């Protein structure tokens, strides 16, 4: 049991480290790879939930009645799954935004230093 927890934390740490690494790259697209994968996965999970249930009544192996009815609260389930599934997407986008902002500040500082040196 403890091994499973360690493996999960190691996986999460690896994903966060990879997101930080990709966010620090010069290309803006690299840092968006993991958030897009996370969003698509949560969308897949939310849309693959059953929204209709089929029930059948069979007597002696003969199907007499088949009824398809909507699952109660299916829309609420899908919305909740989208919300919960995108928590990781939000965290990854926040990491991306913070490192992009740091990169922009560093670039701006370098440009102002170069401008100051050119004026001398």
PDB file of N, CA and C in Angstrom:
ATOM      1  N   UNK A   1       0.829  -1.200   0.000  1.00  0.00           N
ATOM      2  CA  UNK A   1       0.000   0.000   0.000  1.00  0.00           C
ATOM      3  C   UNK A   1       0.868   1.256   0.000  1.00  0.00           C
ATOM      4  N   UNK A   2       1.895   1.248   0.832  1.00  0.00           N
ATOM      5  CA  UNK A   2       2.772   2.414   0.921  1.00  0.00           C
ATOM      6  C   UNK A   2       3.541   2.618  -0.387  1.00  0.00           C
ATOM      7  N   UNK A   3       3.869   1.530  -1.054  1.00  0.00           N
ATOM      8  CA  UNK A   3       4.581   1.616  -2.329  1.00  0.00           C
ATOM      9  C   UNK A   3       3.719   2.337  -3.359  1.00  0.00           C
ATOM     10  N   UNK A   4       2.417   2.054  -3.371  1.00  0.00           N
ATOM     11  CA  UNK A   4       1.511   2.716  -4.316  1.00  0.00           C
ATOM     12  C   UNK A   4       1.493   4.226  -4.109  1.00  0.00           C
ATOM     13  N   UNK A   5       1.475   4.651  -2.853  1.00  0.00           N
ATOM     14  CA  UNK A   5       1.475   6.083  -2.545  1.00  0.00           C
ATOM     15  C   UNK A   5       2.778   6.722  -3.012  1.00  0.00           C
ATOM     16  N   UNK A   6       3.883   6.043  -2.787  1.00  0.00           N
ATOM     17  CA  UNK A   6       5.188   6.564  -3.211  1.00  0.00           C
ATOM     18  C   UNK A   6       5.248   6.678  -4.727  1.00  0.00           C
ATOM     19  N   UNK A   7       4.743   5.677  -5.420  1.00  0.00           N
ATOM     20  CA  UNK A   7       4.745   5.690  -6.885  1.00  0.00           C
ATOM     21  C   UNK A   7       3.879   6.833  -7.404  1.00  0.00           C
ATOM     22  N   UNK A   8       2.722   7.042  -6.808  1.00  0.00           N
ATOM     23  CA  UNK A   8       1.830   8.132  -7.243  1.00  0.00           C
ATOM     24  C   UNK A   8       2.497   9.489  -7.022  1.00  0.00           C
ATOM     25  N   UNK A   9       3.106   9.685  -5.845  1.00  0.00           N
ATOM     26  CA  UNK A   9       3.791  10.963  -5.586  1.00  0.00           C
ATOM     27  C   UNK A   9       4.982  11.165  -6.517  1.00  0.00           C
ATOM     28  N   UNK A  10       5.712  10.100  -6.814  1.00  0.00           N
ATOM     29  CA  UNK A  10       6.837  10.213  -7.742  1.00  0.00           C
ATOM     30  C   UNK A  10       6.343  10.585  -9.136  1.00  0.00           C
ATOM     31  N   UNK A  11       5.235   9.984  -9.566  1.00  0.00           N
ATOM     32  CA  UNK A  11       4.652  10.306 -10.870  1.00  0.00           C
ATOM     33  C   UNK A  11       4.215  11.776 -10.917  1.00  0.00           C
ATOM     34  N   UNK A  12       3.527  12.229  -9.868  1.00  0.00           N
ATOM     35  CA  UNK A  12       3.079  13.627  -9.830  1.00  0.00           C
ATOM     36  C   UNK A  12       4.267  14.592  -9.822  1.00  0.00           C
ATOM     37  N   UNK A  13       5.300  14.263  -9.060  1.00  0.00           N
ATOM     38  CA  UNK A  13       6.494  15.104  -9.032  1.00  0.00           C
ATOM     39  C   UNK A  13       7.151  15.153 -10.407  1.00  0.00           C
ATOM     40  N   UNK A  14       7.177  14.014 -11.089  1.00  0.00           N
ATOM     41  CA  UNK A  14       7.748  13.966 -12.436  1.00  0.00           C
ATOM     42  C   UNK A  14       6.952  14.809 -13.419  1.00  0.00           C
ATOM     43  N   UNK A  15       5.627  14.757 -13.335  1.00  0.00           N
ATOM     44  CA  UNK A  15       4.780  15.563 -14.223  1.00  0.00           C
ATOM     45  C   UNK A  15       4.994  17.048 -13.955  1.00  0.00           C
ATOM     46  N   UNK A  16       5.066  17.429 -12.688  1.00  0.00           N
ATOM     47  CA  UNK A  16       5.285  18.846 -12.353  1.00  0.00           C
ATOM     48  C   UNK A  16       6.659  19.297 -12.826  1.00  0.00           C
ATOM     49  N   UNK A  17       7.676  18.473 -12.617  1.00  0.00           N
ATOM     50  CA  UNK A  17       9.018  18.820 -13.083  1.00  0.00           C
ATOM     51  C   UNK A  17       9.047  18.970 -14.606  1.00  0.00           C
ATOM     52  N   UNK A  18       8.390  18.041 -15.310  1.00  0.00           N
ATOM     53  CA  UNK A  18       8.332  18.113 -16.769  1.00  0.00           C
ATOM     54  C   UNK A  18       7.608  19.377 -17.225  1.00  0.00           C
ATOM     55  N   UNK A  19       6.526  19.749 -16.531  1.00  0.00           N
ATOM     56  CA  UNK A  19       5.800  20.969 -16.894  1.00  0.00           C
ATOM     57  C   UNK A  19       6.670  22.200 -16.682  1.00  0.00           C
ATOM     58  N   UNK A  20       7.406  22.240 -15.587  1.00  0.00           N
ATOM     59  CA  UNK A  20       8.308  23.372 -15.341  1.00  0.00           C
ATOM     60  C   UNK A  20       9.382  23.426 -16.420  1.00  0.00           C
ATOM     61  N   UNK A  21       9.956  22.272 -16.757  1.00  0.00           N
ATOM     62  CA  UNK A  21      10.986  22.211 -17.795  1.00  0.00           C
ATOM     63  C   UNK A  21      10.442  22.711 -19.134  1.00  0.00           C
ATOM     64  N   UNK A  22       9.252  22.244 -19.513  1.00  0.00           N
ATOM     65  CA  UNK A  22       8.672  22.655 -20.789  1.00  0.00           C
ATOM     66  C   UNK A  22       8.253  24.127 -20.781  1.00  0.00           C
ATOM     67  N   UNK A  23       7.825  24.634 -19.636  1.00  0.00           N
ATOM     68  CA  UNK A  23       7.404  26.024 -19.545  1.00  0.00           C
ATOM     69  C   UNK A  23       8.582  26.985 -19.649  1.00  0.00           C
ATOM     70  N   UNK A  24       9.758  26.546 -19.249  1.00  0.00           N
ATOM     71  CA  UNK A  24      10.944  27.399 -19.309  1.00  0.00           C
ATOM     72  C   UNK A  24      11.516  27.521 -20.717  1.00  0.00           C
ATOM     73  N   UNK A  25      11.113  26.643 -21.614  1.00  0.00           N
ATOM     74  CA  UNK A  25      11.632  26.686 -22.981  1.00  0.00           C
ATOM     75  C   UNK A  25      11.179  27.953 -23.690  1.00  0.00           C
ATOM     76  N   UNK A  26      11.910  28.336 -24.707  1.00  0.00           N
ATOM     77  CA  UNK A  26      11.610  29.566 -25.437  1.00  0.00           C
ATOM     78  C   UNK A  26      10.294  29.480 -26.209  1.00  0.00           C
ATOM     79  N   UNK A  27       9.971  28.309 -26.704  1.00  0.00           N
ATOM     80  CA  UNK A  27       8.737  28.133 -27.473  1.00  0.00           C
ATOM     81  C   UNK A  27       7.528  28.115 -26.544  1.00  0.00           C
ATOM     82  N   UNK A  28       6.497  28.871 -26.908  1.00  0.00           N
ATOM     83  CA  UNK A  28       5.295  28.932 -26.089  1.00  0.00           C
ATOM     84  C   UNK A  28       4.493  27.637 -26.159  1.00  0.00           C
ATOM     85  N   UNK A  29       4.601  26.924 -27.263  1.00  0.00           N
ATOM     86  CA  UNK A  29       3.801  25.719 -27.480  1.00  0.00           C
ATOM     87  C   UNK A  29       4.251  24.581 -26.571  1.00  0.00           C
ATOM     88  N   UNK A  30       5.532  24.484 -26.287  1.00  0.00           N
ATOM     89  CA  UNK A  30       6.045  23.375 -25.489  1.00  0.00           C
ATOM     90  C   UNK A  30       5.386  23.288 -24.117  1.00  0.00           C
ATOM     91  N   UNK A  31       5.182  24.424 -23.483  1.00  0.00           N
ATOM     92  CA  UNK A  31       4.592  24.444 -22.151  1.00  0.00           C
ATOM     93  C   UNK A  31       3.113  24.117 -22.130  1.00  0.00           C
ATOM     94  N   UNK A  32       2.473  24.110 -23.286  1.00  0.00           N
ATOM     95  CA  UNK A  32       1.038  23.818 -23.344  1.00  0.00           C
ATOM     96  C   UNK A  32       0.733  22.358 -23.674  1.00  0.00           C
ATOM     97  N   UNK A  33       1.770  21.540 -23.880  1.00  0.00           N
ATOM     98  CA  UNK A  33       1.560  20.147 -24.256  1.00  0.00           C
ATOM     99  C   UNK A  33       0.831  19.381 -23.150  1.00  0.00           C
ATOM    100  N   UNK A  34       1.339  19.427 -21.928  1.00  0.00           N
ATOM    101  CA  UNK A  34       0.713  18.676 -20.840  1.00  0.00           C
ATOM    102  C   UNK A  34      -0.679  19.200 -20.478  1.00  0.00           C
ATOM    103  N   UNK A  35      -0.911  20.527 -20.424  1.00  0.00           N
ATOM    104  CA  UNK A  35      -2.286  20.972 -20.156  1.00  0.00           C
ATOM    105  C   UNK A  35      -3.286  20.528 -21.215  1.00  0.00           C
ATOM    106  N   UNK A  36      -2.882  20.510 -22.473  1.00  0.00           N
ATOM    107  CA  UNK A  36      -3.791  20.067 -23.540  1.00  0.00           C
ATOM    108  C   UNK A  36      -4.083  18.569 -23.394  1.00  0.00           C
ATOM    109  N   UNK A  37      -3.072  17.774 -23.093  1.00  0.00           N
ATOM    110  CA  UNK A  37      -3.287  16.341 -22.885  1.00  0.00           C
ATOM    111  C   UNK A  37      -4.220  16.113 -21.699  1.00  0.00           C
ATOM    112  N   UNK A  38      -4.003  16.853 -20.618  1.00  0.00           N
ATOM    113  CA  UNK A  38      -4.848  16.733 -19.432  1.00  0.00           C
ATOM    114  C   UNK A  38      -6.288  17.114 -19.739  1.00  0.00           C
ATOM    115  N   UNK A  39      -6.479  18.196 -20.492  1.00  0.00           N
ATOM    116  CA  UNK A  39      -7.836  18.625 -20.852  1.00  0.00           C
ATOM    117  C   UNK A  39      -8.529  17.590 -21.733  1.00  0.00           C
ATOM    118  N   UNK A  40      -7.816  17.080 -22.733  1.00  0.00           N
ATOM    119  CA  UNK A  40      -8.422  16.082 -23.622  1.00  0.00           C
ATOM    120  C   UNK A  40      -8.786  14.809 -22.863  1.00  0.00           C
ATOM    121  N   UNK A  41      -7.953  14.411 -21.920  1.00  0.00           N
ATOM    122  CA  UNK A  41      -8.254  13.224 -21.129  1.00  0.00           C
ATOM    123  C   UNK A  41      -9.499  13.447 -20.275  1.00  0.00           C
ATOM    124  N   UNK A  42      -9.608  14.617 -19.633  1.00  0.00           N
ATOM    125  CA  UNK A  42     -10.792  14.888 -18.809  1.00  0.00           C
ATOM    126  C   UNK A  42     -12.047  14.981 -19.666  1.00  0.00           C
ATOM    127  N   UNK A  43     -11.918  15.516 -20.873  1.00  0.00           N
ATOM    128  CA  UNK A  43     -13.049  15.581 -21.792  1.00  0.00           C
ATOM    129  C   UNK A  43     -13.488  14.176 -22.202  1.00  0.00           C
ATOM    130  N   UNK A  44     -12.530  13.315 -22.479  1.00  0.00           N
ATOM    131  CA  UNK A  44     -12.828  11.930 -22.834  1.00  0.00           C
ATOM    132  C   UNK A  44     -13.554  11.224 -21.691  1.00  0.00           C
ATOM    133  N   UNK A  45     -13.060  11.389 -20.468  1.00  0.00           N
ATOM    134  CA  UNK A  45     -13.679  10.736 -19.309  1.00  0.00           C
ATOM    135  C   UNK A  45     -15.096  11.253 -19.096  1.00  0.00           C
ATOM    136  N   UNK A  46     -15.274  12.574 -19.196  1.00  0.00           N
ATOM    137  CA  UNK A  46     -16.598  13.149 -18.956  1.00  0.00           C
ATOM    138  C   UNK A  46     -17.604  12.727 -20.021  1.00  0.00           C
ATOM    139  N   UNK A  47     -17.164  12.668 -21.257  1.00  0.00           N
ATOM    140  CA  UNK A  47     -18.090  12.330 -22.337  1.00  0.00           C
ATOM    141  C   UNK A  47     -18.316  10.829 -22.496  1.00  0.00           C
ATOM    142  N   UNK A  48     -17.494  10.019 -21.831  1.00  0.00           N
ATOM    143  CA  UNK A  48     -17.697   8.573 -21.923  1.00  0.00           C
ATOM    144  C   UNK A  48     -18.555   8.037 -20.781  1.00  0.00           C
ATOM    145  N   UNK A  49     -19.101   8.923 -19.949  1.00  0.00           N
ATOM    146  CA  UNK A  49     -19.997   8.469 -18.891  1.00  0.00           C
ATOM    147  C   UNK A  49     -21.333   8.074 -19.508  1.00  0.00           C
ATOM    148  N   UNK A  50     -21.952   7.055 -18.976  1.00  0.00           N
ATOM    149  CA  UNK A  50     -23.233   6.630 -19.552  1.00  0.00           C
ATOM    150  C   UNK A  50     -24.330   7.656 -19.259  1.00  0.00           C
ATOM    151  N   UNK A  51     -25.054   8.040 -20.298  1.00  0.00           N
ATOM    152  CA  UNK A  51     -26.151   8.983 -20.118  1.00  0.00           C
ATOM    153  C   UNK A  51     -27.500   8.306 -20.291  1.00  0.00           C
ATOM    154  N   UNK A  52     -27.498   7.079 -20.776  1.00  0.00           N
ATOM    155  CA  UNK A  52     -28.734   6.318 -20.915  1.00  0.00           C
ATOM    156  C   UNK A  52     -28.483   4.895 -20.414  1.00  0.00           C
ATOM    157  N   UNK A  53     -29.501   4.325 -19.816  1.00  0.00           N
ATOM    158  CA  UNK A  53     -29.404   2.969 -19.301  1.00  0.00           C
ATOM    159  C   UNK A  53     -30.428   2.114 -20.033  1.00  0.00           C
ATOM    160  N   UNK A  54     -29.986   0.963 -20.519  1.00  0.00           N
ATOM    161  CA  UNK A  54     -30.894   0.032 -21.199  1.00  0.00           C
ATOM    162  C   UNK A  54     -31.193  -1.130 -20.264  1.00  0.00           C
ATOM    163  N   UNK A  55     -32.465  -1.352 -20.032  1.00  0.00           N
ATOM    164  CA  UNK A  55     -32.878  -2.484 -19.210  1.00  0.00           C
ATOM    165  C   UNK A  55     -33.727  -3.405 -20.063  1.00  0.00           C
ATOM    166  N   UNK A  56     -33.590  -4.669 -19.831  1.00  0.00           N
ATOM    167  CA  UNK A  56     -34.390  -5.630 -20.600  1.00  0.00           C
ATOM    168  C   UNK A  56     -34.954  -6.681 -19.655  1.00  0.00           C
ATOM    169  N   UNK A  57     -36.107  -7.169 -20.009  1.00  0.00           N
ATOM    170  CA  UNK A  57     -36.770  -8.212 -19.256  1.00  0.00           C
ATOM    171  C   UNK A  57     -36.833  -9.449 -20.140  1.00  0.00           C
ATOM    172  N   UNK A  58     -36.215 -10.531 -19.676  1.00  0.00           N
ATOM    173  CA  UNK A  58     -36.237 -11.755 -20.482  1.00  0.00           C
ATOM    174  C   UNK A  58     -36.849 -12.890 -19.676  1.00  0.00           C
ATOM    175  N   UNK A  59     -37.673 -13.652 -20.351  1.00  0.00           N
ATOM    176  CA  UNK A  59     -38.294 -14.814 -19.740  1.00  0.00           C
ATOM    177  C   UNK A  59     -37.920 -16.023 -20.592  1.00  0.00           C
ATOM    178  N   UNK A  60     -37.314 -17.006 -19.967  1.00  0.00           N
ATOM    179  CA  UNK A  60     -36.866 -18.219 -20.655  1.00  0.00           C
ATOM    180  C   UNK A  60     -35.957 -17.908 -21.852  1.00  0.00           C
ATOM    181  N   UNK A  61     -35.109 -16.898 -21.689  1.00  0.00           N
ATOM    182  CA  UNK A  61     -34.164 -16.542 -22.744  1.00  0.00           C
ATOM    183  C   UNK A  61     -34.757 -15.705 -23.855  1.00  0.00           C
ATOM    184  N   UNK A  62     -36.028 -15.348 -23.776  1.00  0.00           N
ATOM    185  CA  UNK A  62     -36.666 -14.521 -24.803  1.00  0.00           C
ATOM    186  C   UNK A  62     -36.841 -13.118 -24.242  1.00  0.00           C
ATOM    187  N   UNK A  63     -36.330 -12.126 -24.973  1.00  0.00           N
ATOM    188  CA  UNK A  63     -36.428 -10.742 -24.522  1.00  0.00           C
ATOM    189  C   UNK A  63     -37.824 -10.234 -24.835  1.00  0.00           C
ATOM    190  N   UNK A  64     -38.540  -9.866 -23.789  1.00  0.00           N
ATOM    191  CA  UNK A  64     -39.902  -9.379 -23.951  1.00  0.00           C
ATOM    192  C   UNK A  64     -39.972  -7.862 -24.056  1.00  0.00           C
ATOM    193  N   UNK A  65     -39.136  -7.169 -23.305  1.00  0.00           N
ATOM    194  CA  UNK A  65     -39.266  -5.713 -23.252  1.00  0.00           C
ATOM    195  C   UNK A  65     -37.880  -5.090 -23.086  1.00  0.00           C
ATOM    196  N   UNK A  66     -37.562  -4.112 -23.912  1.00  0.00           N
ATOM    197  CA  UNK A  66     -36.309  -3.370 -23.803  1.00  0.00           C
ATOM    198  C   UNK A  66     -36.671  -1.906 -23.588  1.00  0.00           C
ATOM    199  N   UNK A  67     -36.095  -1.320 -22.547  1.00  0.00           N
ATOM    200  CA  UNK A  67     -36.401   0.071 -22.223  1.00  0.00           C
ATOM    201  C   UNK A  67     -35.102   0.850 -22.082  1.00  0.00           C
ATOM    202  N   UNK A  68     -35.044   1.986 -22.719  1.00  0.00           N
ATOM    203  CA  UNK A  68     -33.889   2.868 -22.601  1.00  0.00           C
ATOM    204  C   UNK A  68     -34.352   4.147 -21.928  1.00  0.00           C
ATOM    205  N   UNK A  69     -33.713   4.458 -20.818  1.00  0.00           N
ATOM    206  CA  UNK A  69     -34.112   5.663 -20.089  1.00  0.00           C
ATOM    207  C   UNK A  69     -32.871   6.470 -19.723  1.00  0.00           C
ATOM    208  N   UNK A  70     -33.019   7.793 -19.644  1.00  0.00           N
ATOM    209  CA  UNK A  70     -31.865   8.614 -19.285  1.00  0.00           C
ATOM    210  C   UNK A  70     -31.470   8.410 -17.822  1.00  0.00           C
ATOM    211  N   UNK A  71     -30.174   8.479 -17.568  1.00  0.00           N
ATOM    212  CA  UNK A  71     -29.674   8.377 -16.203  1.00  0.00           C
ATOM    213  C   UNK A  71     -30.009   9.680 -15.493  1.00  0.00           C
ATOM    214  N   UNK A  72     -30.532   9.560 -14.274  1.00  0.00           N
ATOM    215  CA  UNK A  72     -30.861  10.775 -13.522  1.00  0.00           C
ATOM    216  C   UNK A  72     -29.589  11.555 -13.227  1.00  0.00           C
ATOM    217  N   UNK A  73     -29.640  12.838 -13.473  1.00  0.00           N
ATOM    218  CA  UNK A  73     -28.508  13.699 -13.172  1.00  0.00           C
ATOM    219  C   UNK A  73     -27.318  13.507 -14.090  1.00  0.00           C
ATOM    220  N   UNK A  74     -27.536  13.022 -15.298  1.00  0.00           N
ATOM    221  CA  UNK A  74     -26.420  12.765 -16.211  1.00  0.00           C
ATOM    222  C   UNK A  74     -25.670  14.045 -16.549  1.00  0.00           C
ATOM    223  N   UNK A  75     -26.406  15.133 -16.778  1.00  0.00           N
ATOM    224  CA  UNK A  75     -25.744  16.406 -17.092  1.00  0.00           C
ATOM    225  C   UNK A  75     -24.925  16.893 -15.907  1.00  0.00           C
ATOM    226  N   UNK A  76     -25.472  16.756 -14.726  1.00  0.00           N
ATOM    227  CA  UNK A  76     -24.732  17.144 -13.523  1.00  0.00           C
ATOM    228  C   UNK A  76     -23.476  16.321 -13.343  1.00  0.00           C
ATOM    229  N   UNK A  77     -23.573  15.024 -13.659  1.00  0.00           N
ATOM    230  CA  UNK A  77     -22.406  14.143 -13.572  1.00  0.00           C
ATOM    231  C   UNK A  77     -21.324  14.590 -14.552  1.00  0.00           C
ATOM    232  N   UNK A  78     -21.722  14.898 -15.768  1.00  0.00           N
ATOM    233  CA  UNK A  78     -20.753  15.305 -16.792  1.00  0.00           C
ATOM    234  C   UNK A  78     -20.079  16.612 -16.391  1.00  0.00           C
ATOM    235  N   UNK A  79     -20.855  17.568 -15.900  1.00  0.00           N
ATOM    236  CA  UNK A  79     -20.277  18.854 -15.478  1.00  0.00           C
ATOM    237  C   UNK A  79     -19.318  18.653 -14.314  1.00  0.00           C
ATOM    238  N   UNK A  80     -19.702  17.818 -13.347  1.00  0.00           N
ATOM    239  CA  UNK A  80     -18.835  17.565 -12.190  1.00  0.00           C
ATOM    240  C   UNK A  80     -17.552  16.860 -12.630  1.00  0.00           C
ATOM    241  N   UNK A  81     -17.658  15.895 -13.544  1.00  0.00           N
ATOM    242  CA  UNK A  81     -16.467  15.216 -14.039  1.00  0.00           C
ATOM    243  C   UNK A  81     -15.552  16.172 -14.795  1.00  0.00           C
ATOM    244  N   UNK A  82     -16.141  17.077 -15.578  1.00  0.00           N
ATOM    245  CA  UNK A  82     -15.324  18.076 -16.272  1.00  0.00           C
ATOM    246  C   UNK A  82     -14.606  18.975 -15.275  1.00  0.00           C
ATOM    247  N   UNK A  83     -15.323  19.402 -14.246  1.00  0.00           N
ATOM    248  CA  UNK A  83     -14.713  20.282 -13.237  1.00  0.00           C
ATOM    249  C   UNK A  83     -13.586  19.565 -12.492  1.00  0.00           C
ATOM    250  N   UNK A  84     -13.868  18.382 -11.985  1.00  0.00           N
ATOM    251  CA  UNK A  84     -12.851  17.645 -11.220  1.00  0.00           C
ATOM    252  C   UNK A  84     -11.693  17.183 -12.101  1.00  0.00           C
ATOM    253  N   UNK A  85     -12.010  16.799 -13.323  1.00  0.00           N
ATOM    254  CA  UNK A  85     -10.959  16.341 -14.223  1.00  0.00           C
ATOM    255  C   UNK A  85     -10.025  17.439 -14.679  1.00  0.00           C
ATOM    256  N   UNK A  86     -10.495  18.680 -14.629  1.00  0.00           N
ATOM    257  CA  UNK A  86      -9.671  19.791 -15.095  1.00  0.00           C
ATOM    258  C   UNK A  86      -8.911  20.496 -13.981  1.00  0.00           C
ATOM    259  N   UNK A  87      -8.955  19.967 -12.773  1.00  0.00           N
ATOM    260  CA  UNK A  87      -8.147  20.546 -11.696  1.00  0.00           C
ATOM    261  C   UNK A  87      -6.668  20.442 -12.053  1.00  0.00           C
ATOM    262  N   UNK A  88      -6.259  19.292 -12.564  1.00  0.00           N
ATOM    263  CA  UNK A  88      -4.852  19.132 -12.963  1.00  0.00           C
ATOM    264  C   UNK A  88      -4.517  20.061 -14.136  1.00  0.00           C
ATOM    265  N   UNK A  89      -5.461  20.261 -15.041  1.00  0.00           N
ATOM    266  CA  UNK A  89      -5.233  21.177 -16.164  1.00  0.00           C
ATOM    267  C   UNK A  89      -5.010  22.591 -15.654  1.00  0.00           C
ATOM    268  N   UNK A  90      -5.809  23.005 -14.682  1.00  0.00           N
ATOM    269  CA  UNK A  90      -5.678  24.353 -14.118  1.00  0.00           C
ATOM    270  C   UNK A  90      -4.325  24.513 -13.437  1.00  0.00           C
ATOM    271  N   UNK A  91      -3.898  23.499 -12.681  1.00  0.00           N
ATOM    272  CA  UNK A  91      -2.595  23.574 -12.011  1.00  0.00           C
ATOM    273  C   UNK A  91      -1.472  23.668 -13.043  1.00  0.00           C
ATOM    274  N   UNK A  92      -1.542  22.867 -14.102  1.00  0.00           N
ATOM    275  CA  UNK A  92      -0.504  22.894 -15.130  1.00  0.00           C
ATOM    276  C   UNK A  92      -0.478  24.239 -15.865  1.00  0.00           C
ATOM    277  N   UNK A  93      -1.642  24.817 -16.126  1.00  0.00           N
ATOM    278  CA  UNK A  93      -1.693  26.126 -16.787  1.00  0.00           C
ATOM    279  C   UNK A  93      -1.152  27.217 -15.865  1.00  0.00           C
ATOM    280  N   UNK A  94      -1.407  27.103 -14.568  1.00  0.00           N
ATOM    281  CA  UNK A  94      -0.859  28.085 -13.623  1.00  0.00           C
ATOM    282  C   UNK A  94       0.669  28.002 -13.589  1.00  0.00           C
ATOM    283  N   UNK A  95       1.219  26.807 -13.609  1.00  0.00           N
ATOM    284  CA  UNK A  95       2.675  26.646 -13.661  1.00  0.00           C
ATOM    285  C   UNK A  95       3.206  27.266 -14.951  1.00  0.00           C
ATOM    286  N   UNK A  96       2.550  26.974 -16.051  1.00  0.00           N
ATOM    287  CA  UNK A  96       2.957  27.531 -17.356  1.00  0.00           C
ATOM    288  C   UNK A  96       2.935  29.055 -17.329  1.00  0.00           C
ATOM    289  N   UNK A  97       1.839  29.634 -16.831  1.00  0.00           N
ATOM    290  CA  UNK A  97       1.703  31.094 -16.821  1.00  0.00           C
ATOM    291  C   UNK A  97       2.753  31.749 -15.933  1.00  0.00           C
ATOM    292  N   UNK A  98       3.033  31.150 -14.786  1.00  0.00           N
ATOM    293  CA  UNK A  98       4.021  31.766 -13.891  1.00  0.00           C
ATOM    294  C   UNK A  98       5.419  31.749 -14.503  1.00  0.00           C
ATOM    295  N   UNK A  99       5.798  30.655 -15.136  1.00  0.00           N
ATOM    296  CA  UNK A  99       7.128  30.597 -15.746  1.00  0.00           C
ATOM    297  C   UNK A  99       7.213  31.425 -17.018  1.00  0.00           C
ATOM    298  N   UNK A 100       6.124  31.539 -17.764  1.00  0.00           N
ATOM    299  CA  UNK A 100       6.132  32.425 -18.938  1.00  0.00           C
ATOM    300  C   UNK A 100       6.296  33.876 -18.506  1.00  0.00           C
ATOM    301  N   UNK A 101       5.645  34.238 -17.386  1.00  0.00           N
ATOM    302  CA  UNK A 101       5.770  35.603 -16.875  1.00  0.00           C
ATOM    303  C   UNK A 101       7.199  35.867 -16.411  1.00  0.00           C
ATOM    304  N   UNK A 102       7.814  34.893 -15.757  1.00  0.00           N
ATOM    305  CA  UNK A 102       9.211  35.042 -15.329  1.00  0.00           C
ATOM    306  C   UNK A 102      10.127  35.194 -16.540  1.00  0.00           C
ATOM    307  N   UNK A 103       9.881  34.414 -17.599  1.00  0.00           N
ATOM    308  CA  UNK A 103      10.683  34.517 -18.816  1.00  0.00           C
ATOM    309  C   UNK A 103      10.520  35.884 -19.461  1.00  0.00           C
ATOM    310  N   UNK A 104       9.302  36.412 -19.479  1.00  0.00           N
ATOM    311  CA  UNK A 104       9.060  37.732 -20.070  1.00  0.00           C
ATOM    312  C   UNK A 104       9.774  38.811 -19.275  1.00  0.00           C
ATOM    313  N   UNK A 105       9.774  38.696 -17.957  1.00  0.00           N
ATOM    314  CA  UNK A 105      10.466  39.667 -17.110  1.00  0.00           C
ATOM    315  C   UNK A 105      11.973  39.616 -17.340  1.00  0.00           C
ATOM    316  N   UNK A 106      12.523  38.414 -17.456  1.00  0.00           N
ATOM    317  CA  UNK A 106      13.960  38.275 -17.715  1.00  0.00           C
ATOM    318  C   UNK A 106      14.331  38.870 -19.071  1.00  0.00           C
ATOM    319  N   UNK A 107      13.512  38.610 -20.083  1.00  0.00           N
ATOM    320  CA  UNK A 107      13.771  39.146 -21.423  1.00  0.00           C
ATOM    321  C   UNK A 107      13.709  40.660 -21.409  1.00  0.00           C
ATOM    322  N   UNK A 108      12.729  41.199 -20.711  1.00  0.00           N
ATOM    323  CA  UNK A 108      12.578  42.653 -20.619  1.00  0.00           C
ATOM    324  C   UNK A 108      13.771  43.281 -19.903  1.00  0.00           C
ATOM    325  N   UNK A 109      14.250  42.636 -18.857  1.00  0.00           N
ATOM    326  CA  UNK A 109      15.406  43.140 -18.113  1.00  0.00           C
ATOM    327  C   UNK A 109      16.655  43.112 -18.991  1.00  0.00           C
ATOM    328  N   UNK A 110      16.849  42.034 -19.731  1.00  0.00           N
ATOM    329  CA  UNK A 110      18.004  41.945 -20.626  1.00  0.00           C
ATOM    330  C   UNK A 110      17.963  43.025 -21.698  1.00  0.00           C
ATOM    331  N   UNK A 111      16.777  43.261 -22.259  1.00  0.00           N
ATOM    332  CA  UNK A 111      16.640  44.277 -23.298  1.00  0.00           C
ATOM    333  C   UNK A 111      16.921  45.673 -22.745  1.00  0.00           C
ATOM    334  N   UNK A 112      16.471  45.932 -21.523  1.00  0.00           N
ATOM    335  CA  UNK A 112      16.735  47.251 -20.945  1.00  0.00           C
ATOM    336  C   UNK A 112      18.214  47.418 -20.615  1.00  0.00           C
ATOM    337  N   UNK A 113      18.887  46.347 -20.194  1.00  0.00           N
ATOM    338  CA  UNK A 113      20.322  46.419 -19.933  1.00  0.00           C
ATOM    339  C   UNK A 113      21.095  46.657 -21.222  1.00  0.00           C
ATOM    340  N   UNK A 114      20.677  45.995 -22.297  1.00  0.00           N
ATOM    341  CA  UNK A 114      21.336  46.199 -23.592  1.00  0.00           C
ATOM    342  C   UNK A 114      21.112  47.629 -24.064  1.00  0.00           C
ATOM    343  N   UNK A 115      19.904  48.147 -23.852  1.00  0.00           N
ATOM    344  CA  UNK A 115      19.587  49.532 -24.238  1.00  0.00           C
ATOM    345  C   UNK A 115      20.405  50.527 -23.436  1.00  0.00           C
ATOM    346  N   UNK A 116      20.607  50.269 -22.150  1.00  0.00           N
ATOM    347  CA  UNK A 116      21.405  51.145 -21.308  1.00  0.00           C
ATOM    348  C   UNK A 116      22.878  51.125 -21.711  1.00  0.00           C
ATOM    349  N   UNK A 117      23.369  49.961 -22.101  1.00  0.00           N
ATOM    350  CA  UNK A 117      24.769  49.842 -22.525  1.00  0.00           C
ATOM    351  C   UNK A 117      24.961  50.537 -23.879  1.00  0.00           C
ATOM    352  N   UNK A 118      23.962  50.491 -24.743  1.00  0.00           N
ATOM    353  CA  UNK A 118      24.074  51.138 -26.060  1.00  0.00           C
ATOM    354  C   UNK A 118      24.089  52.648 -25.913  1.00  0.00           C
ATOM    355  N   UNK A 119      23.445  53.193 -24.913  1.00  0.00           N
ATOM    356  CA  UNK A 119      23.380  54.650 -24.707  1.00  0.00           C
ATOM    357  C   UNK A 119      24.702  55.176 -24.173  1.00  0.00           C
ATOM    358  N   UNK A 120      25.512  54.367 -23.557  1.00  0.00           N
ATOM    359  CA  UNK A 120      26.767  54.827 -22.959  1.00  0.00           C
ATOM    360  C   UNK A 120      27.778  55.124 -23.982  1.00  0.00           C
TER     361      UNK A 120
END
